[in-house]
């Protein structure tokens, strides 16, 4: 992962580096098995959950972030921070406690949310503690921020009421711990019809979401002056299916619609593994063009080497 991440950064020279393990990397040490499906989104086949009875939630172990499978990812992040230039922030992907609970709980998760909520909350408390310890270890390793992924704050995930009870408190806790890191942290709201946290009582962060599928319009969020927002071209649009020229045109359209200092261009949701290299290069070149709302910074002349 270190070498492939560095190779990606050398090729595309992104403004920051996002370390992107498989979504299951935080649950392997609980005893969850997984395997890559082989699809372009990097999704996994996930083995059965380890929760059978409500009491099992209270038996989840404390995870040492420096040991086991998680410890290997901590070493990866530390090595990336050591080998990358200091002016390139490193963000670590973190899959939020609710997602981890859904994998750990397996088939029992939904039923237990409905029938024995307090037991699930006890499990979420332990999962959140383990996640916070990992974030603190990342900060000690020099990582600059986190990219917190929420996959259940949407239609088809948990209900809005259930997410307000089970999701936002643990998400907020993770972002509060990351608030002391030097770069802004992101909250990725995955999917369509996403729910937004209340800005007044939620840690400041960059909201990352797809710009379609019934999601809030990033421009409206920017105009509210209460949030930073990140989005980008449709993962199945020109960036993946079109020509380099079409990919550049799509990026320019995104920047024209959502221009301003509160907007950060990224992938619309994800960048599929089969996205053509020429299209990524064309998209990043288009993003770096001078625009009326963001002139390119002046570069000081180098002294005469003679």
C-alpha atoms as a PDB file:
ATOM      1  CA  UNK A   1       0.000   0.000   0.000  1.00  0.00           C
ATOM      2  CA  UNK A   2       2.856   2.395   0.739  1.00  0.00           C
ATOM      3  CA  UNK A   3       4.461   1.866  -2.651  1.00  0.00           C
ATOM      4  CA  UNK A   4       1.222   2.000  -4.656  1.00  0.00           C
ATOM      5  CA  UNK A   5       0.092   5.167  -2.844  1.00  0.00           C
ATOM      6  CA  UNK A   6       3.436   6.842  -3.501  1.00  0.00           C
ATOM      7  CA  UNK A   7       3.313   5.767  -7.152  1.00  0.00           C
ATOM      8  CA  UNK A   8      -0.176   7.278  -7.529  1.00  0.00           C
ATOM      9  CA  UNK A   9       1.021  10.535  -5.976  1.00  0.00           C
ATOM     10  CA  UNK A  10       4.124  10.696  -8.194  1.00  0.00           C
ATOM     11  CA  UNK A  11       1.943  10.215 -11.272  1.00  0.00           C
ATOM     12  CA  UNK A  12      -0.831  12.691 -10.490  1.00  0.00           C
ATOM     13  CA  UNK A  13       0.739  15.149  -8.002  1.00  0.00           C
ATOM     14  CA  UNK A  14      -2.438  15.617  -5.946  1.00  0.00           C
ATOM     15  CA  UNK A  15      -2.678  18.443  -3.407  1.00  0.00           C
ATOM     16  CA  UNK A  16      -3.144  15.938  -0.595  1.00  0.00           C
ATOM     17  CA  UNK A  17      -2.858  12.162  -0.248  1.00  0.00           C
ATOM     18  CA  UNK A  18      -5.725   9.995   0.970  1.00  0.00           C
ATOM     19  CA  UNK A  19      -4.697   6.577   2.278  1.00  0.00           C
ATOM     20  CA  UNK A  20      -7.446   4.227   1.117  1.00  0.00           C
ATOM     21  CA  UNK A  21      -7.521   0.707   2.579  1.00  0.00           C
ATOM     22  CA  UNK A  22     -10.367  -1.728   2.009  1.00  0.00           C
ATOM     23  CA  UNK A  23     -13.482  -0.888   4.012  1.00  0.00           C
ATOM     24  CA  UNK A  24     -12.905  -3.916   6.256  1.00  0.00           C
ATOM     25  CA  UNK A  25      -9.436  -2.992   7.520  1.00  0.00           C
ATOM     26  CA  UNK A  26     -10.669  -1.897  10.962  1.00  0.00           C
ATOM     27  CA  UNK A  27     -12.725  -5.052  11.632  1.00  0.00           C
ATOM     28  CA  UNK A  28     -10.226  -7.774  10.746  1.00  0.00           C
ATOM     29  CA  UNK A  29      -8.882  -7.793  14.314  1.00  0.00           C
ATOM     30  CA  UNK A  30     -12.379  -8.613  15.616  1.00  0.00           C
ATOM     31  CA  UNK A  31     -12.286 -11.838  13.599  1.00  0.00           C
ATOM     32  CA  UNK A  32     -14.088 -10.768  10.406  1.00  0.00           C
ATOM     33  CA  UNK A  33     -12.904 -12.371   7.154  1.00  0.00           C
ATOM     34  CA  UNK A  34     -12.995 -10.722   3.753  1.00  0.00           C
ATOM     35  CA  UNK A  35     -11.837 -11.065   0.158  1.00  0.00           C
ATOM     36  CA  UNK A  36     -11.722  -8.699  -2.810  1.00  0.00           C
ATOM     37  CA  UNK A  37     -14.607  -9.114  -5.231  1.00  0.00           C
ATOM     38  CA  UNK A  38     -12.414  -8.033  -8.133  1.00  0.00           C
ATOM     39  CA  UNK A  39     -14.716  -5.185  -9.179  1.00  0.00           C
ATOM     40  CA  UNK A  40     -13.520  -1.665 -10.106  1.00  0.00           C
ATOM     41  CA  UNK A  41     -14.745  -0.143  -6.832  1.00  0.00           C
ATOM     42  CA  UNK A  42     -12.559  -2.372  -4.647  1.00  0.00           C
ATOM     43  CA  UNK A  43     -15.532  -3.808  -2.763  1.00  0.00           C
ATOM     44  CA  UNK A  44     -15.145  -6.874  -0.572  1.00  0.00           C
ATOM     45  CA  UNK A  45     -16.847 -10.167   0.073  1.00  0.00           C
ATOM     46  CA  UNK A  46     -17.360 -10.059   3.839  1.00  0.00           C
ATOM     47  CA  UNK A  47     -17.618 -13.171   6.001  1.00  0.00           C
ATOM     48  CA  UNK A  48     -20.298 -13.740   8.649  1.00  0.00           C
ATOM     49  CA  UNK A  49     -20.642 -11.400  11.604  1.00  0.00           C
ATOM     50  CA  UNK A  50     -19.511 -12.445  15.059  1.00  0.00           C
ATOM     51  CA  UNK A  51     -22.634 -11.291  16.927  1.00  0.00           C
ATOM     52  CA  UNK A  52     -25.239 -13.938  17.726  1.00  0.00           C
ATOM     53  CA  UNK A  53     -26.920 -12.787  20.943  1.00  0.00           C
ATOM     54  CA  UNK A  54     -27.440  -9.232  22.281  1.00  0.00           C
ATOM     55  CA  UNK A  55     -24.926  -9.950  25.052  1.00  0.00           C
ATOM     56  CA  UNK A  56     -22.201 -10.419  22.424  1.00  0.00           C
ATOM     57  CA  UNK A  57     -22.077  -6.650  21.840  1.00  0.00           C
ATOM     58  CA  UNK A  58     -20.810  -6.179  25.373  1.00  0.00           C
ATOM     59  CA  UNK A  59     -18.022  -8.714  24.821  1.00  0.00           C
ATOM     60  CA  UNK A  60     -16.242  -6.900  21.993  1.00  0.00           C
ATOM     61  CA  UNK A  61     -12.524  -6.624  22.743  1.00  0.00           C
ATOM     62  CA  UNK A  62     -10.367  -3.563  23.195  1.00  0.00           C
ATOM     63  CA  UNK A  63      -8.103  -3.266  20.140  1.00  0.00           C
ATOM     64  CA  UNK A  64      -4.505  -2.070  20.422  1.00  0.00           C
ATOM     65  CA  UNK A  65      -3.925   0.129  17.316  1.00  0.00           C
ATOM     66  CA  UNK A  66      -0.239  -0.760  17.252  1.00  0.00           C
ATOM     67  CA  UNK A  67      -0.856  -4.516  17.020  1.00  0.00           C
ATOM     68  CA  UNK A  68      -2.451  -6.944  14.576  1.00  0.00           C
ATOM     69  CA  UNK A  69      -3.874  -5.990  11.203  1.00  0.00           C
ATOM     70  CA  UNK A  70      -4.627  -2.447  12.360  1.00  0.00           C
ATOM     71  CA  UNK A  71      -1.026  -2.016  13.457  1.00  0.00           C
ATOM     72  CA  UNK A  72       0.141  -2.780   9.919  1.00  0.00           C
ATOM     73  CA  UNK A  73      -1.994   0.095   8.622  1.00  0.00           C
ATOM     74  CA  UNK A  74      -0.618   2.392  11.290  1.00  0.00           C
ATOM     75  CA  UNK A  75       2.901   1.556  10.121  1.00  0.00           C
ATOM     76  CA  UNK A  76       1.805   2.202   6.539  1.00  0.00           C
ATOM     77  CA  UNK A  77       0.504   5.668   7.438  1.00  0.00           C
ATOM     78  CA  UNK A  78       3.661   6.484   9.399  1.00  0.00           C
ATOM     79  CA  UNK A  79       5.874   5.448   6.492  1.00  0.00           C
ATOM     80  CA  UNK A  80       3.848   7.470   3.986  1.00  0.00           C
ATOM     81  CA  UNK A  81       4.097  10.556   6.159  1.00  0.00           C
ATOM     82  CA  UNK A  82       7.854  10.037   6.439  1.00  0.00           C
ATOM     83  CA  UNK A  83       8.383   9.660   2.693  1.00  0.00           C
ATOM     84  CA  UNK A  84       6.078  12.382   1.394  1.00  0.00           C
ATOM     85  CA  UNK A  85       6.970  16.070   1.329  1.00  0.00           C
ATOM     86  CA  UNK A  86       5.727  17.912   4.424  1.00  0.00           C
ATOM     87  CA  UNK A  87       3.644  20.327   2.337  1.00  0.00           C
ATOM     88  CA  UNK A  88       1.517  17.399   1.063  1.00  0.00           C
ATOM     89  CA  UNK A  89      -1.068  16.562   3.769  1.00  0.00           C
ATOM     90  CA  UNK A  90      -1.782  12.878   4.426  1.00  0.00           C
ATOM     91  CA  UNK A  91      -5.362  11.866   5.269  1.00  0.00           C
ATOM     92  CA  UNK A  92      -6.233   8.396   6.559  1.00  0.00           C
ATOM     93  CA  UNK A  93      -9.551   6.826   5.600  1.00  0.00           C
ATOM     94  CA  UNK A  94     -11.563   5.799   8.665  1.00  0.00           C
ATOM     95  CA  UNK A  95     -14.754   3.772   8.302  1.00  0.00           C
ATOM     96  CA  UNK A  96     -17.071   5.035  10.991  1.00  0.00           C
ATOM     97  CA  UNK A  97     -18.223   3.030  14.037  1.00  0.00           C
ATOM     98  CA  UNK A  98     -21.728   2.375  12.662  1.00  0.00           C
ATOM     99  CA  UNK A  99     -20.317   0.787   9.508  1.00  0.00           C
ATOM    100  CA  UNK A 100     -17.943  -1.306  11.597  1.00  0.00           C
ATOM    101  CA  UNK A 101     -20.857  -2.384  13.809  1.00  0.00           C
ATOM    102  CA  UNK A 102     -22.877  -3.398  10.749  1.00  0.00           C
ATOM    103  CA  UNK A 103     -20.038  -5.674   9.596  1.00  0.00           C
ATOM    104  CA  UNK A 104     -19.295  -7.046  13.069  1.00  0.00           C
ATOM    105  CA  UNK A 105     -23.003  -7.632  13.693  1.00  0.00           C
ATOM    106  CA  UNK A 106     -23.656  -9.141  10.283  1.00  0.00           C
ATOM    107  CA  UNK A 107     -27.205 -10.398   9.844  1.00  0.00           C
ATOM    108  CA  UNK A 108     -28.034  -9.579  13.472  1.00  0.00           C
ATOM    109  CA  UNK A 109     -27.229  -5.866  13.214  1.00  0.00           C
ATOM    110  CA  UNK A 110     -30.546  -4.597  11.835  1.00  0.00           C
ATOM    111  CA  UNK A 111     -32.645  -6.786  14.110  1.00  0.00           C
ATOM    112  CA  UNK A 112     -30.674  -5.756  17.185  1.00  0.00           C
ATOM    113  CA  UNK A 113     -30.987  -2.050  16.311  1.00  0.00           C
ATOM    114  CA  UNK A 114     -34.757  -2.526  16.397  1.00  0.00           C
ATOM    115  CA  UNK A 115     -35.094  -4.969  19.302  1.00  0.00           C
ATOM    116  CA  UNK A 116     -32.202  -4.308  21.700  1.00  0.00           C
ATOM    117  CA  UNK A 117     -30.843  -0.850  21.010  1.00  0.00           C
ATOM    118  CA  UNK A 118     -29.042  -0.558  24.349  1.00  0.00           C
ATOM    119  CA  UNK A 119     -26.965  -3.649  23.596  1.00  0.00           C
ATOM    120  CA  UNK A 120     -25.946  -2.194  20.227  1.00  0.00           C
ATOM    121  CA  UNK A 121     -25.057   1.092  21.915  1.00  0.00           C
ATOM    122  CA  UNK A 122     -22.756  -0.798  24.290  1.00  0.00           C
ATOM    123  CA  UNK A 123     -21.004  -2.362  21.308  1.00  0.00           C
ATOM    124  CA  UNK A 124     -20.792   0.974  19.521  1.00  0.00           C
ATOM    125  CA  UNK A 125     -19.194   2.500  22.604  1.00  0.00           C
ATOM    126  CA  UNK A 126     -16.373  -0.080  22.487  1.00  0.00           C
ATOM    127  CA  UNK A 127     -15.986   0.245  18.698  1.00  0.00           C
ATOM    128  CA  UNK A 128     -15.827   4.033  19.020  1.00  0.00           C
ATOM    129  CA  UNK A 129     -13.183   3.758  21.758  1.00  0.00           C
ATOM    130  CA  UNK A 130     -11.102   1.519  19.511  1.00  0.00           C
ATOM    131  CA  UNK A 131     -11.529   3.899  16.560  1.00  0.00           C
ATOM    132  CA  UNK A 132     -10.562   6.920  18.660  1.00  0.00           C
ATOM    133  CA  UNK A 133      -7.406   5.141  19.851  1.00  0.00           C
ATOM    134  CA  UNK A 134      -6.461   4.500  16.219  1.00  0.00           C
ATOM    135  CA  UNK A 135      -7.052   8.163  15.285  1.00  0.00           C
ATOM    136  CA  UNK A 136      -4.896   9.268  18.237  1.00  0.00           C
ATOM    137  CA  UNK A 137      -2.151   6.872  17.112  1.00  0.00           C
ATOM    138  CA  UNK A 138      -2.367   8.301  13.585  1.00  0.00           C
ATOM    139  CA  UNK A 139      -1.939  11.807  14.985  1.00  0.00           C
ATOM    140  CA  UNK A 140       1.137  10.647  16.896  1.00  0.00           C
ATOM    141  CA  UNK A 141       2.456   9.174  13.629  1.00  0.00           C
ATOM    142  CA  UNK A 142       2.215  12.590  11.953  1.00  0.00           C
ATOM    143  CA  UNK A 143      -0.914  12.009   9.859  1.00  0.00           C
ATOM    144  CA  UNK A 144      -2.580  15.332   9.039  1.00  0.00           C
ATOM    145  CA  UNK A 145      -6.290  14.481   9.087  1.00  0.00           C
ATOM    146  CA  UNK A 146      -8.923  11.781   8.637  1.00  0.00           C
ATOM    147  CA  UNK A 147     -11.447  10.974   5.945  1.00  0.00           C
ATOM    148  CA  UNK A 148     -14.392   9.587   7.914  1.00  0.00           C
ATOM    149  CA  UNK A 149     -16.724   7.418   5.840  1.00  0.00           C
ATOM    150  CA  UNK A 150     -20.416   7.113   6.703  1.00  0.00           C
ATOM    151  CA  UNK A 151     -22.351   4.560   4.652  1.00  0.00           C
ATOM    152  CA  UNK A 152     -25.600   4.507   6.657  1.00  0.00           C
ATOM    153  CA  UNK A 153     -26.630   8.193   6.851  1.00  0.00           C
ATOM    154  CA  UNK A 154     -28.885   7.865   3.807  1.00  0.00           C
ATOM    155  CA  UNK A 155     -32.073   6.449   2.425  1.00  0.00           C
ATOM    156  CA  UNK A 156     -31.666   2.683   2.454  1.00  0.00           C
ATOM    157  CA  UNK A 157     -29.201   2.788   5.349  1.00  0.00           C
ATOM    158  CA  UNK A 158     -30.518   3.575   8.817  1.00  0.00           C
ATOM    159  CA  UNK A 159     -33.565   5.744   9.337  1.00  0.00           C
ATOM    160  CA  UNK A 160     -32.856   9.377  10.145  1.00  0.00           C
ATOM    161  CA  UNK A 161     -34.004   8.832  13.737  1.00  0.00           C
ATOM    162  CA  UNK A 162     -31.815   5.737  14.134  1.00  0.00           C
ATOM    163  CA  UNK A 163     -28.794   7.527  12.707  1.00  0.00           C
ATOM    164  CA  UNK A 164     -29.300  10.451  15.054  1.00  0.00           C
ATOM    165  CA  UNK A 165     -29.164   7.958  17.926  1.00  0.00           C
ATOM    166  CA  UNK A 166     -26.458   5.557  16.753  1.00  0.00           C
ATOM    167  CA  UNK A 167     -24.471   7.426  14.112  1.00  0.00           C
ATOM    168  CA  UNK A 168     -23.936  11.131  14.671  1.00  0.00           C
ATOM    169  CA  UNK A 169     -22.660  10.851  18.279  1.00  0.00           C
ATOM    170  CA  UNK A 170     -19.871   8.436  17.354  1.00  0.00           C
ATOM    171  CA  UNK A 171     -19.093  10.323  14.115  1.00  0.00           C
ATOM    172  CA  UNK A 172     -18.824  13.559  16.072  1.00  0.00           C
ATOM    173  CA  UNK A 173     -16.523  11.923  18.609  1.00  0.00           C
ATOM    174  CA  UNK A 174     -14.145  10.769  15.858  1.00  0.00           C
ATOM    175  CA  UNK A 175     -14.056  14.213  14.269  1.00  0.00           C
ATOM    176  CA  UNK A 176     -13.569  15.925  17.624  1.00  0.00           C
ATOM    177  CA  UNK A 177     -10.476  13.803  18.254  1.00  0.00           C
ATOM    178  CA  UNK A 178      -9.179  14.597  14.755  1.00  0.00           C
ATOM    179  CA  UNK A 179      -9.785  18.331  15.225  1.00  0.00           C
ATOM    180  CA  UNK A 180      -6.306  18.781  16.656  1.00  0.00           C
ATOM    181  CA  UNK A 181      -4.644  17.411  13.515  1.00  0.00           C
ATOM    182  CA  UNK A 182      -3.100  20.070  11.251  1.00  0.00           C
ATOM    183  CA  UNK A 183      -5.246  19.575   8.122  1.00  0.00           C
ATOM    184  CA  UNK A 184      -9.025  19.641   7.779  1.00  0.00           C
ATOM    185  CA  UNK A 185     -10.813  16.319   8.202  1.00  0.00           C
ATOM    186  CA  UNK A 186     -13.526  15.101   5.847  1.00  0.00           C
ATOM    187  CA  UNK A 187     -16.906  13.473   6.465  1.00  0.00           C
ATOM    188  CA  UNK A 188     -17.860  11.387   3.439  1.00  0.00           C
ATOM    189  CA  UNK A 189     -21.619  10.837   3.202  1.00  0.00           C
ATOM    190  CA  UNK A 190     -21.873   7.841   0.922  1.00  0.00           C
ATOM    191  CA  UNK A 191     -24.657   7.150  -1.526  1.00  0.00           C
ATOM    192  CA  UNK A 192     -27.937   8.787  -2.492  1.00  0.00           C
ATOM    193  CA  UNK A 193     -30.448  10.659  -0.363  1.00  0.00           C
ATOM    194  CA  UNK A 194     -27.914  11.382   2.388  1.00  0.00           C
ATOM    195  CA  UNK A 195     -28.745  12.956   5.758  1.00  0.00           C
ATOM    196  CA  UNK A 196     -26.766  15.977   6.946  1.00  0.00           C
ATOM    197  CA  UNK A 197     -25.608  16.514  10.517  1.00  0.00           C
ATOM    198  CA  UNK A 198     -26.760  19.685  12.238  1.00  0.00           C
ATOM    199  CA  UNK A 199     -23.981  22.189  11.566  1.00  0.00           C
ATOM    200  CA  UNK A 200     -24.527  24.051  14.821  1.00  0.00           C
ATOM    201  CA  UNK A 201     -23.556  21.138  17.068  1.00  0.00           C
ATOM    202  CA  UNK A 202     -21.231  19.080  14.861  1.00  0.00           C
ATOM    203  CA  UNK A 203     -17.454  19.445  14.502  1.00  0.00           C
ATOM    204  CA  UNK A 204     -16.254  21.599  11.627  1.00  0.00           C
ATOM    205  CA  UNK A 205     -15.181  19.442   8.707  1.00  0.00           C
ATOM    206  CA  UNK A 206     -15.336  19.164   4.936  1.00  0.00           C
ATOM    207  CA  UNK A 207     -18.532  17.436   3.792  1.00  0.00           C
ATOM    208  CA  UNK A 208     -17.843  15.136   0.853  1.00  0.00           C
ATOM    209  CA  UNK A 209     -20.814  13.798  -1.103  1.00  0.00           C
ATOM    210  CA  UNK A 210     -21.895  12.894  -4.596  1.00  0.00           C
ATOM    211  CA  UNK A 211     -23.635  15.744  -6.381  1.00  0.00           C
ATOM    212  CA  UNK A 212     -26.534  13.687  -7.708  1.00  0.00           C
ATOM    213  CA  UNK A 213     -28.953  11.011  -6.515  1.00  0.00           C
ATOM    214  CA  UNK A 214     -31.185  13.332  -4.527  1.00  0.00           C
ATOM    215  CA  UNK A 215     -28.338  14.639  -2.386  1.00  0.00           C
ATOM    216  CA  UNK A 216     -28.229  18.248  -1.172  1.00  0.00           C
ATOM    217  CA  UNK A 217     -26.785  20.622  -3.767  1.00  0.00           C
ATOM    218  CA  UNK A 218     -23.168  21.447  -2.842  1.00  0.00           C
ATOM    219  CA  UNK A 219     -23.748  25.013  -4.040  1.00  0.00           C
ATOM    220  CA  UNK A 220     -26.566  25.486  -1.519  1.00  0.00           C
ATOM    221  CA  UNK A 221     -24.307  24.165   1.230  1.00  0.00           C
ATOM    222  CA  UNK A 222     -21.558  26.561   0.175  1.00  0.00           C
ATOM    223  CA  UNK A 223     -23.965  29.496   0.008  1.00  0.00           C
ATOM    224  CA  UNK A 224     -25.022  28.780   3.586  1.00  0.00           C
ATOM    225  CA  UNK A 225     -21.474  29.777   4.684  1.00  0.00           C
ATOM    226  CA  UNK A 226     -21.662  27.075   7.344  1.00  0.00           C
ATOM    227  CA  UNK A 227     -19.740  24.298   5.639  1.00  0.00           C
ATOM    228  CA  UNK A 228     -16.808  23.420   3.457  1.00  0.00           C
ATOM    229  CA  UNK A 229     -17.840  21.030   0.686  1.00  0.00           C
ATOM    230  CA  UNK A 230     -16.085  18.568  -1.599  1.00  0.00           C
ATOM    231  CA  UNK A 231     -17.498  16.771  -4.610  1.00  0.00           C
ATOM    232  CA  UNK A 232     -16.559  16.075  -8.195  1.00  0.00           C
ATOM    233  CA  UNK A 233     -17.495  14.473 -11.493  1.00  0.00           C
ATOM    234  CA  UNK A 234     -19.807  11.475 -11.630  1.00  0.00           C
ATOM    235  CA  UNK A 235     -17.796   8.286 -11.096  1.00  0.00           C
ATOM    236  CA  UNK A 236     -19.601   6.662 -14.042  1.00  0.00           C
ATOM    237  CA  UNK A 237     -19.521   9.761 -16.266  1.00  0.00           C
ATOM    238  CA  UNK A 238     -16.852  11.201 -18.531  1.00  0.00           C
ATOM    239  CA  UNK A 239     -14.063  10.781 -15.995  1.00  0.00           C
ATOM    240  CA  UNK A 240     -14.431   7.021 -16.404  1.00  0.00           C
ATOM    241  CA  UNK A 241     -16.274   6.495 -19.702  1.00  0.00           C
ATOM    242  CA  UNK A 242     -15.351   9.482 -21.868  1.00  0.00           C
ATOM    243  CA  UNK A 243     -12.328  10.916 -23.620  1.00  0.00           C
ATOM    244  CA  UNK A 244      -9.715  13.047 -21.860  1.00  0.00           C
ATOM    245  CA  UNK A 245     -11.243  16.129 -23.445  1.00  0.00           C
ATOM    246  CA  UNK A 246     -14.677  15.187 -22.101  1.00  0.00           C
ATOM    247  CA  UNK A 247     -13.248  14.510 -18.649  1.00  0.00           C
ATOM    248  CA  UNK A 248     -11.644  17.971 -18.604  1.00  0.00           C
ATOM    249  CA  UNK A 249     -14.881  19.585 -19.751  1.00  0.00           C
ATOM    250  CA  UNK A 250     -16.819  17.861 -16.987  1.00  0.00           C
ATOM    251  CA  UNK A 251     -14.351  19.074 -14.356  1.00  0.00           C
ATOM    252  CA  UNK A 252     -14.576  22.646 -15.662  1.00  0.00           C
ATOM    253  CA  UNK A 253     -18.376  22.444 -15.415  1.00  0.00           C
ATOM    254  CA  UNK A 254     -18.140  21.267 -11.798  1.00  0.00           C
ATOM    255  CA  UNK A 255     -15.798  24.119 -10.911  1.00  0.00           C
ATOM    256  CA  UNK A 256     -18.004  26.682 -12.630  1.00  0.00           C
ATOM    257  CA  UNK A 257     -21.091  25.494 -10.764  1.00  0.00           C
ATOM    258  CA  UNK A 258     -19.461  25.174  -7.323  1.00  0.00           C
ATOM    259  CA  UNK A 259     -16.688  27.722  -7.511  1.00  0.00           C
ATOM    260  CA  UNK A 260     -15.433  29.462  -4.416  1.00  0.00           C
ATOM    261  CA  UNK A 261     -12.892  29.101  -1.616  1.00  0.00           C
ATOM    262  CA  UNK A 262     -15.109  26.697   0.359  1.00  0.00           C
ATOM    263  CA  UNK A 263     -15.137  24.059  -2.393  1.00  0.00           C
ATOM    264  CA  UNK A 264     -12.521  21.322  -2.792  1.00  0.00           C
ATOM    265  CA  UNK A 265     -12.556  19.272  -5.982  1.00  0.00           C
ATOM    266  CA  UNK A 266     -12.224  15.537  -5.576  1.00  0.00           C
ATOM    267  CA  UNK A 267     -13.900  12.434  -6.911  1.00  0.00           C
ATOM    268  CA  UNK A 268     -17.683  12.581  -7.099  1.00  0.00           C
ATOM    269  CA  UNK A 269     -17.867   9.598  -4.739  1.00  0.00           C
ATOM    270  CA  UNK A 270     -14.951   7.343  -5.595  1.00  0.00           C
ATOM    271  CA  UNK A 271     -12.448   7.020  -8.426  1.00  0.00           C
ATOM    272  CA  UNK A 272     -12.947   3.506  -9.860  1.00  0.00           C
ATOM    273  CA  UNK A 273      -9.830   1.412 -10.361  1.00  0.00           C
ATOM    274  CA  UNK A 274     -10.426   1.238 -14.124  1.00  0.00           C
ATOM    275  CA  UNK A 275     -10.548   5.027 -14.628  1.00  0.00           C
ATOM    276  CA  UNK A 276      -8.227   5.789 -17.587  1.00  0.00           C
ATOM    277  CA  UNK A 277      -4.950   7.416 -16.625  1.00  0.00           C
ATOM    278  CA  UNK A 278      -5.268   9.968 -19.439  1.00  0.00           C
ATOM    279  CA  UNK A 279      -8.645  11.074 -18.052  1.00  0.00           C
ATOM    280  CA  UNK A 280      -7.267  11.598 -14.542  1.00  0.00           C
ATOM    281  CA  UNK A 281      -4.394  13.656 -15.946  1.00  0.00           C
ATOM    282  CA  UNK A 282      -6.798  15.722 -18.052  1.00  0.00           C
ATOM    283  CA  UNK A 283      -9.094  16.297 -15.061  1.00  0.00           C
ATOM    284  CA  UNK A 284      -6.280  17.435 -12.773  1.00  0.00           C
ATOM    285  CA  UNK A 285      -4.881  19.723 -15.490  1.00  0.00           C
ATOM    286  CA  UNK A 286      -8.300  21.320 -15.912  1.00  0.00           C
ATOM    287  CA  UNK A 287      -8.577  21.817 -12.151  1.00  0.00           C
ATOM    288  CA  UNK A 288      -5.266  23.703 -12.141  1.00  0.00           C
ATOM    289  CA  UNK A 289      -6.227  26.188 -14.830  1.00  0.00           C
ATOM    290  CA  UNK A 290      -6.420  29.799 -13.696  1.00  0.00           C
ATOM    291  CA  UNK A 291      -9.979  30.976 -13.044  1.00  0.00           C
ATOM    292  CA  UNK A 292     -11.455  34.389 -12.192  1.00  0.00           C
ATOM    293  CA  UNK A 293     -12.473  33.176  -8.726  1.00  0.00           C
ATOM    294  CA  UNK A 294      -9.068  31.666  -8.000  1.00  0.00           C
ATOM    295  CA  UNK A 295      -6.004  33.137  -9.728  1.00  0.00           C
ATOM    296  CA  UNK A 296      -3.002  30.868  -9.662  1.00  0.00           C
ATOM    297  CA  UNK A 297      -0.415  31.903  -7.044  1.00  0.00           C
ATOM    298  CA  UNK A 298       2.653  33.691  -8.254  1.00  0.00           C
ATOM    299  CA  UNK A 299       5.857  31.670  -8.144  1.00  0.00           C
ATOM    300  CA  UNK A 300       8.937  33.556  -7.000  1.00  0.00           C
ATOM    301  CA  UNK A 301      11.713  33.701  -9.582  1.00  0.00           C
ATOM    302  CA  UNK A 302      14.622  31.428  -8.842  1.00  0.00           C
ATOM    303  CA  UNK A 303      17.944  33.156  -8.188  1.00  0.00           C
ATOM    304  CA  UNK A 304      20.471  33.089 -10.978  1.00  0.00           C
ATOM    305  CA  UNK A 305      22.329  29.824 -10.544  1.00  0.00           C
ATOM    306  CA  UNK A 306      25.455  31.299 -12.049  1.00  0.00           C
END
